[in-house]
N, C-alpha and C. Protein backbone atom coordinates (compact mmCIF):
# COMPACT_ATOMS: atom_id res chain seq x y z
N MET A 1 94.07 86.05 100.02
CA MET A 1 95.23 86.26 100.87
C MET A 1 95.10 87.61 101.55
N GLU A 2 95.80 87.76 102.64
CA GLU A 2 95.72 89.00 103.42
C GLU A 2 96.94 89.86 103.14
N LYS A 3 96.70 91.06 102.58
CA LYS A 3 97.81 91.97 102.26
C LYS A 3 98.25 92.68 103.53
N GLY A 4 99.49 92.45 103.92
CA GLY A 4 100.03 93.09 105.12
C GLY A 4 101.06 94.14 104.78
N SER A 5 101.91 94.46 105.75
CA SER A 5 102.92 95.52 105.56
C SER A 5 103.98 95.14 104.53
N ASP A 6 104.16 93.83 104.29
CA ASP A 6 105.14 93.39 103.29
C ASP A 6 104.52 93.34 101.88
N GLY A 7 103.27 93.75 101.74
CA GLY A 7 102.63 93.74 100.43
C GLY A 7 102.15 92.36 100.04
N LEU A 8 101.82 92.21 98.77
CA LEU A 8 101.33 90.92 98.28
C LEU A 8 102.45 89.91 98.08
N GLY A 9 103.67 90.39 97.89
CA GLY A 9 104.81 89.49 97.88
C GLY A 9 105.06 88.74 96.59
N PHE A 10 104.68 89.35 95.45
CA PHE A 10 105.03 88.73 94.18
C PHE A 10 105.17 89.79 93.10
N SER A 11 105.89 89.44 92.03
CA SER A 11 106.01 90.34 90.88
C SER A 11 105.32 89.70 89.69
N ILE A 12 104.98 90.55 88.70
CA ILE A 12 104.25 90.06 87.53
C ILE A 12 104.99 90.41 86.24
N VAL A 13 104.64 89.68 85.18
CA VAL A 13 105.11 89.98 83.82
C VAL A 13 103.90 89.95 82.90
N GLY A 14 104.09 90.47 81.71
CA GLY A 14 103.03 90.45 80.71
C GLY A 14 102.24 91.74 80.71
N GLY A 15 101.11 91.69 80.01
CA GLY A 15 100.25 92.85 79.89
C GLY A 15 100.08 93.26 78.44
N TYR A 16 99.06 94.01 78.19
CA TYR A 16 98.77 94.51 76.85
C TYR A 16 99.86 95.48 76.42
N GLY A 17 100.36 95.30 75.19
CA GLY A 17 101.39 96.18 74.67
C GLY A 17 102.77 95.94 75.25
N SER A 18 103.00 94.74 75.83
CA SER A 18 104.33 94.44 76.38
C SER A 18 105.32 94.24 75.23
N PRO A 19 106.62 94.32 75.51
CA PRO A 19 107.63 94.14 74.45
C PRO A 19 107.51 92.80 73.71
N HIS A 20 106.92 91.80 74.36
CA HIS A 20 106.78 90.48 73.74
C HIS A 20 105.41 90.29 73.10
N GLY A 21 104.66 91.38 72.96
CA GLY A 21 103.31 91.28 72.41
C GLY A 21 102.28 91.39 73.51
N ASP A 22 101.02 91.26 73.13
CA ASP A 22 99.94 91.35 74.11
C ASP A 22 99.80 90.02 74.84
N LEU A 23 100.18 90.03 76.11
CA LEU A 23 100.20 88.81 76.91
C LEU A 23 99.30 88.94 78.13
N PRO A 24 98.82 87.81 78.63
CA PRO A 24 98.11 87.84 79.92
C PRO A 24 99.09 88.22 81.03
N ILE A 25 98.58 88.50 82.21
CA ILE A 25 99.41 88.82 83.37
C ILE A 25 99.79 87.50 84.08
N TYR A 26 101.09 87.29 84.25
CA TYR A 26 101.58 86.08 84.90
C TYR A 26 102.40 86.43 86.13
N VAL A 27 102.44 85.51 87.11
CA VAL A 27 103.29 85.66 88.28
C VAL A 27 104.72 85.36 87.87
N LYS A 28 105.62 86.31 88.09
CA LYS A 28 107.03 86.14 87.74
C LYS A 28 107.81 85.56 88.91
N THR A 29 107.67 86.18 90.08
CA THR A 29 108.46 85.80 91.25
C THR A 29 107.59 85.85 92.50
N ILE A 30 107.76 84.86 93.37
CA ILE A 30 107.15 84.89 94.71
C ILE A 30 108.27 85.24 95.67
N PHE A 31 108.11 86.34 96.41
CA PHE A 31 109.14 86.77 97.34
C PHE A 31 109.02 86.00 98.66
N ALA A 32 110.15 85.87 99.36
CA ALA A 32 110.18 85.11 100.61
C ALA A 32 109.27 85.72 101.67
N LYS A 33 109.15 87.05 101.67
CA LYS A 33 108.26 87.72 102.61
C LYS A 33 107.07 88.27 101.84
N GLY A 34 105.90 88.20 102.45
CA GLY A 34 104.72 88.74 101.81
C GLY A 34 103.56 87.78 101.85
N ALA A 35 102.40 88.27 101.45
CA ALA A 35 101.17 87.50 101.55
C ALA A 35 101.20 86.23 100.71
N ALA A 36 101.78 86.28 99.51
CA ALA A 36 101.78 85.11 98.62
C ALA A 36 102.55 83.94 99.23
N ALA A 37 103.71 84.23 99.82
CA ALA A 37 104.51 83.17 100.46
C ALA A 37 103.79 82.62 101.68
N ASP A 38 103.19 83.51 102.48
CA ASP A 38 102.46 83.07 103.67
C ASP A 38 101.26 82.20 103.30
N ASP A 39 100.57 82.59 102.22
CA ASP A 39 99.37 81.86 101.79
C ASP A 39 99.73 80.51 101.16
N GLY A 40 100.77 80.50 100.31
CA GLY A 40 101.29 79.25 99.76
C GLY A 40 100.58 78.70 98.53
N ARG A 41 99.50 79.31 98.08
CA ARG A 41 98.76 78.76 96.93
C ARG A 41 99.23 79.31 95.59
N LEU A 42 99.72 80.55 95.57
CA LEU A 42 100.15 81.17 94.32
C LEU A 42 101.51 80.63 93.91
N LYS A 43 101.66 80.32 92.63
CA LYS A 43 102.92 79.74 92.13
C LYS A 43 103.46 80.57 90.96
N ARG A 44 104.77 80.49 90.77
CA ARG A 44 105.41 81.13 89.63
C ARG A 44 104.77 80.57 88.35
N GLY A 45 104.41 81.44 87.42
CA GLY A 45 103.82 80.99 86.17
C GLY A 45 102.30 81.00 86.16
N ASP A 46 101.67 81.19 87.34
CA ASP A 46 100.21 81.28 87.38
C ASP A 46 99.76 82.52 86.61
N GLN A 47 98.66 82.40 85.87
CA GLN A 47 98.09 83.54 85.18
C GLN A 47 97.05 84.19 86.10
N ILE A 48 97.15 85.50 86.29
CA ILE A 48 96.18 86.21 87.13
C ILE A 48 95.08 86.74 86.22
N LEU A 49 93.88 86.22 86.40
CA LEU A 49 92.73 86.61 85.58
C LEU A 49 92.01 87.82 86.15
N ALA A 50 91.93 87.90 87.47
CA ALA A 50 91.21 89.01 88.12
C ALA A 50 91.72 89.24 89.53
N VAL A 51 91.55 90.49 89.99
CA VAL A 51 91.92 90.89 91.35
C VAL A 51 90.66 91.45 92.01
N ASN A 52 90.18 90.78 93.06
CA ASN A 52 88.94 91.17 93.73
C ASN A 52 87.81 91.41 92.73
N GLY A 53 87.73 90.53 91.74
CA GLY A 53 86.66 90.60 90.75
C GLY A 53 86.91 91.53 89.58
N GLU A 54 88.00 92.29 89.63
CA GLU A 54 88.34 93.20 88.53
C GLU A 54 89.21 92.46 87.52
N ALA A 55 88.66 92.24 86.32
CA ALA A 55 89.36 91.47 85.29
C ALA A 55 90.62 92.20 84.83
N LEU A 56 91.69 91.41 84.60
CA LEU A 56 92.95 91.98 84.11
C LEU A 56 93.10 91.78 82.60
N GLU A 57 92.08 91.27 81.95
CA GLU A 57 92.15 91.04 80.51
C GLU A 57 92.28 92.38 79.77
N GLY A 58 93.30 92.50 78.92
CA GLY A 58 93.48 93.69 78.11
C GLY A 58 94.12 94.87 78.81
N VAL A 59 94.58 94.71 80.06
CA VAL A 59 95.24 95.81 80.76
C VAL A 59 96.73 95.80 80.47
N THR A 60 97.36 96.97 80.58
CA THR A 60 98.81 97.06 80.41
C THR A 60 99.48 96.55 81.69
N HIS A 61 100.78 96.32 81.60
CA HIS A 61 101.56 95.89 82.77
C HIS A 61 101.41 96.94 83.88
N GLU A 62 101.54 98.21 83.52
CA GLU A 62 101.46 99.29 84.50
C GLU A 62 100.09 99.34 85.17
N GLN A 63 99.02 99.14 84.39
CA GLN A 63 97.67 99.14 84.95
C GLN A 63 97.51 97.97 85.94
N ALA A 64 98.04 96.80 85.58
CA ALA A 64 97.94 95.63 86.45
C ALA A 64 98.68 95.88 87.77
N VAL A 65 99.87 96.48 87.68
CA VAL A 65 100.64 96.80 88.89
C VAL A 65 99.86 97.77 89.77
N ALA A 66 99.26 98.79 89.16
CA ALA A 66 98.49 99.78 89.91
C ALA A 66 97.28 99.14 90.59
N ILE A 67 96.59 98.24 89.89
CA ILE A 67 95.43 97.54 90.46
C ILE A 67 95.85 96.73 91.67
N LEU A 68 96.96 96.00 91.54
CA LEU A 68 97.45 95.18 92.65
C LEU A 68 97.89 96.05 93.83
N LYS A 69 98.58 97.16 93.55
CA LYS A 69 99.11 98.01 94.62
C LYS A 69 98.01 98.70 95.41
N CYS A 70 96.89 99.02 94.78
CA CYS A 70 95.85 99.79 95.48
C CYS A 70 94.96 98.91 96.37
N GLN A 71 95.15 97.60 96.33
CA GLN A 71 94.33 96.70 97.15
C GLN A 71 94.70 96.81 98.62
N LYS A 72 93.70 96.65 99.47
CA LYS A 72 93.92 96.68 100.92
C LYS A 72 93.26 95.47 101.56
N GLY A 73 93.81 95.00 102.67
CA GLY A 73 93.19 93.92 103.43
C GLY A 73 93.17 92.60 102.67
N THR A 74 92.01 91.96 102.65
CA THR A 74 91.88 90.67 101.99
C THR A 74 91.82 90.86 100.48
N VAL A 75 92.72 90.17 99.76
CA VAL A 75 92.78 90.26 98.31
C VAL A 75 92.47 88.89 97.71
N THR A 76 91.46 88.85 96.85
CA THR A 76 91.11 87.61 96.19
C THR A 76 91.60 87.64 94.76
N LEU A 77 92.48 86.68 94.44
CA LEU A 77 93.01 86.57 93.08
C LEU A 77 92.33 85.40 92.37
N THR A 78 91.88 85.64 91.14
CA THR A 78 91.38 84.56 90.30
C THR A 78 92.54 84.17 89.41
N VAL A 79 93.02 82.92 89.55
CA VAL A 79 94.21 82.50 88.81
C VAL A 79 93.95 81.24 87.99
N LEU A 80 94.78 81.09 86.96
CA LEU A 80 94.77 79.90 86.13
C LEU A 80 96.17 79.30 86.27
N SER A 81 96.24 78.12 86.89
CA SER A 81 97.56 77.50 87.15
C SER A 81 98.02 76.69 85.96
């Protein structure tokens, strides 16, 4: 998907050391504006395995957010639906 001025357009839950235990990173919400809505393939509940080839296994929620935020241009997500 192409990250534009509205960002990637989704929020995540989970991560290593989360209040509910060590969980994978999942898509929580797809926002009406943003790359995810425009692209149409990402769905609520999808597990994000990697961002542009960078694995999210074992990362904290904060680390996952930082990885997603620092991406520019075309962003390739590896997901498990």
